[in-house]
């Protein structure tokens, strides 16, 4: 509720909504919207285990995760983080509008985030939760369901992930969940029933919640990237939701965002990317916020318009028109190689900060924003050598020293191709072409994310 309320208040400044009286579903007693929100937050804080983690019961945002807590003991990393984020947003609302806020909520944010970092951090990413039998899952030692997207996104939103952890999380997502068709919800997909997880593991690998490119979850990730200033990476996540260059593979025109695209990219590559053709998704409202508040950087707050655009690297300009606080804003954003930082001119006058204040209803404002030009493009370095010469070790050492992502060219071969090579049998074009396509697709996806790549390639 605080998330929806903040979005509404930012645009409307209709603070009177908080004083509206509402009855309960099972009672005629009436309380204000503000009181209802704090009761809801109190309930979320009450439903935690002794470690301070939120009980999952019959599932969290992921409905078919229904057996993790059926005994009443299992907990959800995501729900704990979402609770922290909801309270964090409520705190922001109260601070902006100078509303009374019990200090217990401020303390709760830190307690929730600390609990997640203490019990759910697995070294390079967060687990998805802990079962009734005290087994962590969504961790590096799992052969299936090893990594889940949602905790990565919401840990950045809640503040649980510091800068160091954010870098690790983004790397984990890009290396294990990112595909040419978008970011998968989990990987590897479950291939058989896991009773401690639930019916998600009964779904076909790569479909629905079992490792698809589930766009609602993916847009959470994009939104979280915008919040930490990773606008280019966020844009690439969004761009893959509405493609115009591989619609034949997806089986859908770029005229709506479906519930999901098939995932399990490394397990079932021939099916990957196919559209579900389902439109029952909450993706679009978050996508819209990412466009307006993230890319264009236009966000209201207490009758003031904040301007913090994050244009994609390859975009040189943007025009937008926004209605806000009864006024019209015609916005032009341009990049300049000579600019070192953002500058804003309102009706020809340069602003000292990034907020437009004292807005007059009925007025038409002209806003011109200048941004620094984009950073240099990504680089691909290929380390070649015969088998056993140490090329992979050298490539990994270079990545460790200078950054980037490491890939072994042979890893993109199919199992049949690897078997042929192990027997010294030359590959056919039918075996070689999918290898080249898979390798090029992965590298293209990395470049779209703005990553440098190091490829170890065997020389005959």
Protein backbone atom coordinates (compact mmCIF):
# COMPACT_ATOMS: atom_id res chain seq x y z
CA UNK A 1 0.00 0.00 0.00
CA UNK A 2 2.73 2.57 0.76
CA UNK A 3 4.23 1.96 -2.71
CA UNK A 4 0.92 2.70 -4.45
CA UNK A 5 0.23 5.61 -2.12
CA UNK A 6 3.60 7.23 -2.77
CA UNK A 7 3.11 7.03 -6.54
CA UNK A 8 -0.32 8.66 -6.13
CA UNK A 9 0.84 11.41 -3.77
CA UNK A 10 3.86 12.23 -5.92
CA UNK A 11 1.57 13.09 -8.81
CA UNK A 12 -1.49 14.49 -7.01
CA UNK A 13 -0.21 15.92 -3.71
CA UNK A 14 -3.65 14.89 -2.43
CA UNK A 15 -2.72 14.52 1.22
CA UNK A 16 -6.39 14.56 2.26
CA UNK A 17 -6.59 10.93 1.16
CA UNK A 18 -4.75 9.91 4.32
CA UNK A 19 -7.58 11.29 6.46
CA UNK A 20 -10.34 9.44 4.59
CA UNK A 21 -12.25 7.04 6.85
CA UNK A 22 -12.52 3.39 5.84
CA UNK A 23 -14.28 0.49 7.54
CA UNK A 24 -12.84 -3.00 7.93
CA UNK A 25 -14.02 -5.92 5.83
CA UNK A 26 -15.41 -7.67 8.92
CA UNK A 27 -16.29 -4.66 11.07
CA UNK A 28 -18.11 -1.34 10.85
CA UNK A 29 -15.36 0.37 12.83
CA UNK A 30 -13.73 3.12 10.78
CA UNK A 31 -10.13 4.29 10.78
CA UNK A 32 -8.22 6.71 8.57
CA UNK A 33 -6.18 5.50 5.60
CA UNK A 34 -3.03 6.38 7.55
CA UNK A 35 -4.14 4.22 10.47
CA UNK A 36 -5.03 1.33 8.15
CA UNK A 37 -1.58 1.47 6.57
CA UNK A 38 0.20 1.36 9.90
CA UNK A 39 -1.99 -1.51 11.09
CA UNK A 40 -1.01 -3.41 7.93
CA UNK A 41 2.66 -2.70 8.58
CA UNK A 42 2.24 -3.81 12.21
CA UNK A 43 0.74 -7.09 11.00
CA UNK A 44 3.68 -7.68 8.66
CA UNK A 45 6.12 -7.02 11.50
CA UNK A 46 4.19 -9.38 13.78
CA UNK A 47 4.33 -12.26 11.27
CA UNK A 48 8.04 -12.96 11.68
CA UNK A 49 10.06 -15.78 13.17
CA UNK A 50 12.57 -15.41 16.04
CA UNK A 51 15.28 -14.49 13.52
CA UNK A 52 13.22 -11.54 12.32
CA UNK A 53 12.37 -13.08 8.92
CA UNK A 54 8.86 -12.98 7.45
CA UNK A 55 6.84 -16.20 7.45
CA UNK A 56 6.00 -17.37 3.92
CA UNK A 57 2.99 -19.55 4.83
CA UNK A 58 1.36 -20.63 1.53
CA UNK A 59 3.56 -18.49 -0.70
CA UNK A 60 4.81 -14.94 -1.11
CA UNK A 61 4.73 -12.94 -4.36
CA UNK A 62 5.47 -16.25 -6.07
CA UNK A 63 2.16 -18.05 -5.54
CA UNK A 64 3.27 -21.62 -6.37
CA UNK A 65 6.03 -21.52 -3.74
CA UNK A 66 3.41 -23.15 -1.53
CA UNK A 67 5.29 -25.87 0.36
CA UNK A 68 8.15 -23.83 1.83
CA UNK A 69 6.16 -22.90 4.91
CA UNK A 70 3.14 -25.18 5.05
CA UNK A 71 4.10 -26.18 8.62
CA UNK A 72 4.14 -22.54 9.66
CA UNK A 73 7.91 -22.19 10.07
CA UNK A 74 9.28 -21.44 6.60
CA UNK A 75 10.35 -17.89 5.79
CA UNK A 76 10.69 -15.73 2.68
CA UNK A 77 13.70 -13.56 1.92
CA UNK A 78 11.66 -11.59 -0.61
CA UNK A 79 8.77 -10.90 1.78
CA UNK A 80 11.18 -9.73 4.46
CA UNK A 81 12.81 -7.34 1.98
CA UNK A 82 9.45 -6.20 0.61
CA UNK A 83 8.30 -5.43 4.15
CA UNK A 84 11.44 -3.37 4.73
CA UNK A 85 10.89 -1.50 1.46
CA UNK A 86 7.22 -0.83 2.23
CA UNK A 87 8.14 0.67 5.60
CA UNK A 88 11.00 2.61 4.00
CA UNK A 89 8.54 4.15 1.51
CA UNK A 90 6.11 4.94 4.34
CA UNK A 91 8.93 6.67 6.20
CA UNK A 92 9.68 8.74 3.08
CA UNK A 93 6.03 9.77 2.80
CA UNK A 94 5.91 10.81 6.45
CA UNK A 95 9.13 12.82 6.14
CA UNK A 96 8.08 14.62 2.95
CA UNK A 97 4.66 15.57 4.31
CA UNK A 98 5.80 16.04 7.92
CA UNK A 99 3.54 13.33 9.33
CA UNK A 100 4.06 11.78 12.74
CA UNK A 101 5.92 8.46 12.53
CA UNK A 102 6.61 6.08 15.39
CA UNK A 103 10.35 5.41 15.65
CA UNK A 104 9.62 1.68 15.79
CA UNK A 105 9.14 1.73 12.02
CA UNK A 106 12.54 3.34 11.42
CA UNK A 107 14.12 0.69 13.64
CA UNK A 108 12.18 -2.06 11.86
CA UNK A 109 13.75 -1.21 8.49
CA UNK A 110 17.23 -1.78 9.89
CA UNK A 111 16.14 -4.92 11.76
CA UNK A 112 14.60 -6.49 8.65
CA UNK A 113 17.58 -5.72 6.43
CA UNK A 114 20.02 -6.95 9.07
CA UNK A 115 18.08 -10.20 9.47
CA UNK A 116 18.27 -10.84 5.73
CA UNK A 117 21.99 -10.10 5.61
CA UNK A 118 22.65 -12.34 8.59
CA UNK A 119 20.54 -15.34 7.59
CA UNK A 120 19.96 -15.13 3.82
CA UNK A 121 23.23 -13.93 2.27
CA UNK A 122 24.97 -16.80 0.47
CA UNK A 123 28.26 -15.15 -0.44
CA UNK A 124 27.36 -13.73 -3.87
CA UNK A 125 23.58 -13.41 -3.72
CA UNK A 126 20.59 -13.79 -1.39
CA UNK A 127 18.71 -17.04 -0.94
CA UNK A 128 15.00 -17.17 -1.69
CA UNK A 129 14.13 -18.40 1.77
CA UNK A 130 14.40 -21.05 4.46
CA UNK A 131 12.04 -24.03 4.62
CA UNK A 132 10.01 -25.40 7.53
CA UNK A 133 12.90 -27.81 8.14
CA UNK A 134 15.45 -24.98 8.30
CA UNK A 135 16.94 -25.62 4.84
CA UNK A 136 18.05 -22.57 2.86
CA UNK A 137 17.26 -22.71 -0.85
CA UNK A 138 18.06 -20.56 -3.85
CA UNK A 139 21.74 -20.85 -2.92
CA UNK A 140 24.93 -21.73 -4.80
CA UNK A 141 24.95 -25.39 -3.72
CA UNK A 142 21.50 -26.07 -5.24
CA UNK A 143 21.59 -27.92 -8.56
CA UNK A 144 18.17 -26.53 -9.55
CA UNK A 145 16.55 -23.31 -8.39
CA UNK A 146 20.03 -22.09 -7.50
CA UNK A 147 19.41 -18.37 -8.02
CA UNK A 148 16.20 -16.31 -7.96
CA UNK A 149 15.72 -12.79 -9.30
CA UNK A 150 13.30 -11.21 -6.81
CA UNK A 151 15.55 -11.05 -3.72
CA UNK A 152 18.22 -9.32 -5.81
CA UNK A 153 15.84 -6.56 -6.90
CA UNK A 154 14.18 -5.94 -3.57
CA UNK A 155 17.41 -5.99 -1.57
CA UNK A 156 18.49 -2.98 -3.64
CA UNK A 157 15.14 -1.29 -3.03
CA UNK A 158 15.05 -1.98 0.70
CA UNK A 159 18.64 -0.93 1.30
CA UNK A 160 19.78 -4.36 2.50
CA UNK A 161 22.39 -4.59 -0.25
CA UNK A 162 25.25 -2.12 0.15
CA UNK A 163 27.34 -0.99 -2.83
CA UNK A 164 29.63 -4.02 -2.65
CA UNK A 165 26.72 -6.45 -2.53
CA UNK A 166 24.92 -4.61 -5.34
CA UNK A 167 27.87 -5.25 -7.66
CA UNK A 168 27.90 -8.94 -6.75
CA UNK A 169 24.15 -9.23 -7.28
CA UNK A 170 24.22 -7.55 -10.68
CA UNK A 171 27.09 -9.78 -11.79
CA UNK A 172 25.23 -12.89 -10.61
CA UNK A 173 22.08 -11.86 -12.48
CA UNK A 174 23.95 -11.04 -15.69
CA UNK A 175 25.94 -14.27 -15.65
CA UNK A 176 23.20 -16.69 -14.57
CA UNK A 177 19.79 -15.17 -15.28
CA UNK A 178 20.21 -12.84 -18.24
CA UNK A 179 19.34 -14.13 -21.72
CA UNK A 180 18.82 -12.56 -25.16
CA UNK A 181 15.09 -12.62 -24.34
CA UNK A 182 15.24 -11.02 -20.91
CA UNK A 183 16.05 -11.84 -17.30
CA UNK A 184 14.84 -15.21 -16.06
CA UNK A 185 12.97 -15.51 -12.78
CA UNK A 186 15.19 -18.35 -11.58
CA UNK A 187 17.83 -20.75 -12.84
CA UNK A 188 18.32 -23.56 -13.43
CA UNK A 189 14.63 -24.41 -13.80
CA UNK A 190 13.26 -27.29 -11.74
CA UNK A 191 12.98 -30.53 -13.72
CA UNK A 192 11.26 -32.64 -11.07
CA UNK A 193 9.06 -32.21 -8.03
CA UNK A 194 10.75 -30.62 -5.03
CA UNK A 195 8.33 -31.12 -2.16
CA UNK A 196 10.04 -28.60 0.11
CA UNK A 197 9.41 -25.90 -2.54
CA UNK A 198 5.99 -26.73 -3.95
CA UNK A 199 4.05 -26.74 -7.18
CA UNK A 200 6.41 -24.30 -8.91
CA UNK A 201 8.66 -27.33 -9.44
CA UNK A 202 5.83 -29.18 -11.21
CA UNK A 203 5.64 -26.63 -14.01
CA UNK A 204 7.46 -27.27 -17.27
CA UNK A 205 11.03 -25.92 -17.13
CA UNK A 206 11.14 -22.39 -18.48
CA UNK A 207 7.39 -21.81 -18.26
CA UNK A 208 5.51 -19.50 -15.89
CA UNK A 209 7.25 -19.11 -12.54
CA UNK A 210 9.64 -22.03 -13.15
CA UNK A 211 12.44 -20.08 -14.78
CA UNK A 212 10.66 -18.12 -17.47
CA UNK A 213 11.48 -14.54 -18.40
CA UNK A 214 8.67 -13.46 -16.09
CA UNK A 215 8.23 -9.82 -17.05
CA UNK A 216 6.64 -8.63 -13.80
CA UNK A 217 9.68 -9.84 -11.88
CA UNK A 218 12.02 -8.48 -14.55
CA UNK A 219 10.53 -4.98 -14.35
CA UNK A 220 11.05 -5.01 -10.57
CA UNK A 221 14.71 -5.58 -11.36
CA UNK A 222 14.77 -2.71 -13.88
CA UNK A 223 13.08 -0.40 -11.37
CA UNK A 224 15.61 -1.30 -8.70
CA UNK A 225 18.49 -0.61 -11.10
CA UNK A 226 17.15 2.88 -11.76
CA UNK A 227 17.02 3.50 -8.00
CA UNK A 228 20.76 2.86 -7.65
CA UNK A 229 21.72 4.85 -10.76
CA UNK A 230 22.25 1.91 -13.14
CA UNK A 231 20.06 3.40 -15.85
CA UNK A 232 21.79 1.74 -18.81
CA UNK A 233 21.41 -1.73 -17.35
CA UNK A 234 17.79 -0.99 -16.44
CA UNK A 235 17.04 0.13 -20.00
CA UNK A 236 18.46 -3.09 -21.45
CA UNK A 237 16.14 -5.11 -19.21
CA UNK A 238 13.19 -3.05 -20.46
CA UNK A 239 14.30 -3.18 -24.10
CA UNK A 240 14.09 -6.95 -24.17
CA UNK A 241 10.43 -6.85 -23.12
CA UNK A 242 9.39 -5.10 -26.33
CA UNK A 243 11.75 -6.33 -29.06
CA UNK A 244 11.36 -5.58 -32.75
CA UNK A 245 14.16 -7.73 -34.14
CA UNK A 246 13.39 -11.30 -33.06
CA UNK A 247 9.59 -11.45 -33.16
CA UNK A 248 9.67 -14.66 -35.21
CA UNK A 249 11.57 -16.47 -32.46
CA UNK A 250 9.24 -15.05 -29.82
CA UNK A 251 6.09 -15.55 -31.87
CA UNK A 252 4.78 -12.12 -30.97
CA UNK A 253 4.79 -8.60 -32.34
CA UNK A 254 6.01 -5.82 -30.06
CA UNK A 255 2.49 -4.56 -29.41
CA UNK A 256 2.10 -5.65 -25.78
CA UNK A 257 4.17 -7.09 -22.94
CA UNK A 258 3.15 -10.69 -22.20
CA UNK A 259 3.11 -12.36 -18.83
CA UNK A 260 6.30 -14.19 -19.73
CA UNK A 261 8.63 -15.41 -22.43
CA UNK A 262 9.93 -18.97 -22.23
CA UNK A 263 13.09 -19.28 -20.20
CA UNK A 264 15.33 -22.22 -19.24
CA UNK A 265 17.63 -20.72 -21.86
CA UNK A 266 20.52 -23.11 -21.24
CA UNK A 267 18.31 -26.15 -20.60
CA UNK A 268 15.85 -25.83 -23.50
CA UNK A 269 17.36 -23.30 -25.93
CA UNK A 270 15.06 -24.23 -28.82
CA UNK A 271 11.99 -23.18 -26.80
CA UNK A 272 13.54 -20.14 -25.15
CA UNK A 273 12.02 -16.76 -25.95
CA UNK A 274 8.59 -17.98 -27.05
CA UNK A 275 5.84 -15.65 -25.87
CA UNK A 276 3.18 -16.92 -23.49
CA UNK A 277 0.68 -14.65 -25.31
CA UNK A 278 -0.85 -13.98 -21.87
CA UNK A 279 -1.68 -10.40 -20.97
CA UNK A 280 -2.53 -11.01 -17.28
CA UNK A 281 0.47 -9.20 -15.85
CA UNK A 282 1.20 -6.23 -13.61
CA UNK A 283 4.26 -5.34 -15.67
CA UNK A 284 2.98 -2.32 -17.58
CA UNK A 285 2.41 0.07 -14.66
CA UNK A 286 5.96 -0.52 -13.43
CA UNK A 287 7.27 -0.22 -17.00
CA UNK A 288 5.52 3.15 -17.29
CA UNK A 289 7.12 4.36 -14.07
CA UNK A 290 10.52 3.24 -15.35
CA UNK A 291 10.01 5.25 -18.55
CA UNK A 292 8.76 8.43 -16.87
CA UNK A 293 10.67 8.40 -13.58
CA UNK A 294 13.72 6.40 -14.68
CA UNK A 295 14.61 7.22 -18.29
CA UNK A 296 13.04 10.69 -18.47
CA UNK A 297 13.73 11.26 -14.77
CA UNK A 298 10.52 13.22 -14.15
CA UNK A 299 9.06 12.64 -10.69
CA UNK A 300 6.81 14.75 -8.54
CA UNK A 301 7.18 15.21 -4.81
CA UNK A 302 5.18 17.54 -2.58
CA UNK A 303 4.16 19.83 -5.49
CA UNK A 304 7.75 20.00 -6.79
CA UNK A 305 9.03 18.36 -9.98
CA UNK A 306 12.30 16.45 -9.60
CA UNK A 307 14.40 16.07 -12.76
CA UNK A 308 17.01 13.28 -12.77
CA UNK A 309 17.06 11.62 -16.21
CA UNK A 310 19.00 8.43 -16.94
CA UNK A 311 19.10 8.30 -20.73
CA UNK A 312 20.33 5.09 -22.37
CA UNK A 313 23.89 5.21 -23.63
CA UNK A 314 22.92 5.24 -27.31
CA UNK A 315 20.20 7.88 -26.94
CA UNK A 316 21.46 11.36 -27.67
CA UNK A 317 18.24 13.21 -26.92
CA UNK A 318 14.69 12.89 -25.63
CA UNK A 319 11.57 15.02 -25.79
CA UNK A 320 8.68 14.66 -23.36
CA UNK A 321 5.64 16.56 -22.20
CA UNK A 322 4.30 16.17 -18.69
CA UNK A 323 1.22 17.48 -16.94
CA UNK A 324 1.98 18.14 -13.30
CA UNK A 325 0.43 20.25 -10.56
CA UNK A 326 -1.93 21.86 -13.06
CA UNK A 327 0.91 23.02 -15.32
CA UNK A 328 2.43 21.72 -18.56
CA UNK A 329 6.14 20.98 -18.92
CA UNK A 330 7.74 20.62 -22.36
CA UNK A 331 11.01 18.84 -21.70
CA UNK A 332 14.02 18.53 -24.01
CA UNK A 333 17.01 16.45 -22.93
CA UNK A 334 20.28 16.49 -24.89
CA UNK A 335 23.73 15.02 -24.35
CA UNK A 336 26.87 17.04 -24.87
CA UNK A 337 30.52 15.99 -24.96
CA UNK A 338 31.37 19.31 -23.36
CA UNK A 339 29.06 18.80 -20.38
CA UNK A 340 30.57 17.43 -17.18
CA UNK A 341 27.35 17.32 -15.18
CA UNK A 342 23.61 17.79 -15.55
CA UNK A 343 22.32 21.32 -16.06
CA UNK A 344 18.66 22.41 -16.17
CA UNK A 345 17.30 25.60 -17.71
CA UNK A 346 13.71 26.56 -16.90
CA UNK A 347 12.33 29.10 -19.37
CA UNK A 348 15.91 30.05 -20.19
CA UNK A 349 17.11 30.41 -16.61
CA UNK A 350 19.55 27.85 -15.18
CA UNK A 351 18.39 26.15 -11.98
CA UNK A 352 20.67 25.70 -9.00
CA UNK A 353 19.43 22.17 -8.26
CA UNK A 354 17.30 19.45 -9.83
CA UNK A 355 13.87 20.57 -8.60
CA UNK A 356 11.30 22.92 -10.09
CA UNK A 357 9.50 24.69 -7.25
CA UNK A 358 6.67 27.22 -6.91
CA UNK A 359 4.82 25.78 -9.89
CA UNK A 360 1.97 27.95 -11.19
CA UNK A 361 -1.13 26.07 -12.33
CA UNK A 362 -2.08 26.77 -15.93
CA UNK A 363 1.42 27.81 -16.97
CA UNK A 364 3.37 26.15 -19.81
CA UNK A 365 7.03 25.70 -18.86
CA UNK A 366 9.97 25.05 -21.20
CA UNK A 367 12.61 22.80 -19.66
CA UNK A 368 15.99 22.14 -21.31
CA UNK A 369 18.35 19.60 -19.76
CA UNK A 370 21.94 18.97 -20.78
CA UNK A 371 23.67 15.73 -19.81
CA UNK A 372 27.25 14.52 -20.15
CA UNK A 373 27.84 12.32 -23.22
CA UNK A 374 27.85 8.54 -22.89
CA UNK A 375 30.87 6.55 -21.80
CA UNK A 376 32.87 4.48 -24.36
CA UNK A 377 31.34 1.29 -25.76
CA UNK A 378 32.00 -2.20 -24.42
CA UNK A 379 35.07 -4.17 -25.49
CA UNK A 380 35.57 -7.82 -26.43
CA UNK A 381 38.97 -9.41 -25.82
CA UNK A 382 39.68 -12.92 -27.17
CA UNK A 383 42.43 -15.03 -25.61
CA UNK A 384 43.35 -17.85 -28.01
CA UNK A 385 45.52 -20.90 -27.53
CA UNK A 386 45.72 -24.65 -27.94
CA UNK A 387 44.08 -26.92 -25.42
CA UNK A 388 46.01 -27.05 -22.14
CA UNK A 389 48.08 -23.92 -22.72
CA UNK A 390 46.43 -22.01 -19.86
CA UNK A 391 44.41 -19.55 -21.94
CA UNK A 392 41.39 -19.80 -19.64
CA UNK A 393 43.51 -19.15 -16.55
CA UNK A 394 45.08 -16.12 -18.23
CA UNK A 395 41.68 -14.79 -19.30
CA UNK A 396 40.26 -15.22 -15.80
CA UNK A 397 43.28 -13.47 -14.30
CA UNK A 398 42.82 -10.55 -16.69
CA UNK A 399 39.16 -10.27 -15.72
CA UNK A 400 40.13 -10.35 -12.05
CA UNK A 401 42.65 -7.57 -12.62
CA UNK A 402 40.82 -5.31 -15.08
CA UNK A 403 37.14 -6.26 -14.75
CA UNK A 404 34.62 -7.60 -17.24
CA UNK A 405 32.94 -10.96 -17.66
CA UNK A 406 34.70 -14.21 -18.57
CA UNK A 407 33.32 -16.78 -21.02
CA UNK A 408 34.69 -20.08 -22.29
CA UNK A 409 33.83 -20.52 -25.98
CA UNK A 410 33.58 -24.30 -25.65
CA UNK A 411 30.84 -23.94 -23.01
CA UNK A 412 28.42 -22.88 -25.75
CA UNK A 413 28.71 -26.20 -27.59
CA UNK A 414 25.84 -28.69 -27.37
CA UNK A 415 26.34 -31.97 -25.53
CA UNK A 416 26.52 -33.86 -28.82
CA UNK A 417 29.19 -31.50 -30.14
CA UNK A 418 31.24 -31.88 -26.95
CA UNK A 419 31.00 -35.66 -27.28
CA UNK A 420 32.20 -35.51 -30.89
CA UNK A 421 35.15 -33.31 -29.96
CA UNK A 422 36.12 -35.61 -27.09
CA UNK A 423 36.37 -38.43 -29.65
CA UNK A 424 38.38 -36.32 -32.07
CA UNK A 425 35.53 -36.13 -34.59
CA UNK A 426 35.32 -32.93 -36.62
CA UNK A 427 32.15 -30.92 -36.09
CA UNK A 428 29.59 -30.56 -38.84
CA UNK A 429 28.01 -27.25 -39.83
CA UNK A 430 24.81 -28.44 -38.12
CA UNK A 431 26.76 -28.68 -34.85
CA UNK A 432 28.92 -25.61 -35.38
CA UNK A 433 26.24 -23.08 -36.41
CA UNK A 434 24.15 -23.30 -33.18
CA UNK A 435 27.40 -22.89 -31.20
CA UNK A 436 28.27 -19.70 -33.05
CA UNK A 437 24.71 -18.37 -32.72
CA UNK A 438 24.54 -19.07 -28.98
CA UNK A 439 27.93 -17.47 -28.36
CA UNK A 440 27.09 -14.37 -30.42
CA UNK A 441 23.71 -13.99 -28.72
CA UNK A 442 25.27 -14.13 -25.25
CA UNK A 443 28.00 -11.64 -26.16
CA UNK A 444 25.45 -9.30 -27.75
CA UNK A 445 23.39 -9.43 -24.56
CA UNK A 446 26.49 -8.58 -22.50
CA UNK A 447 27.33 -5.65 -24.77
CA UNK A 448 23.77 -4.36 -24.45
CA UNK A 449 24.33 -4.35 -20.69
CA UNK A 450 27.49 -2.28 -21.19
CA UNK A 451 29.84 -5.05 -20.07
CA UNK A 452 33.38 -5.75 -21.31
CA UNK A 453 33.90 -9.42 -22.18
CA UNK A 454 36.89 -11.79 -22.13
CA UNK A 455 36.48 -14.89 -24.32
CA UNK A 456 38.79 -17.90 -24.08
CA UNK A 457 38.91 -19.61 -27.49
CA UNK A 458 40.62 -22.89 -28.39
CA UNK A 459 42.97 -22.63 -31.35
CA UNK A 460 43.40 -25.76 -33.48
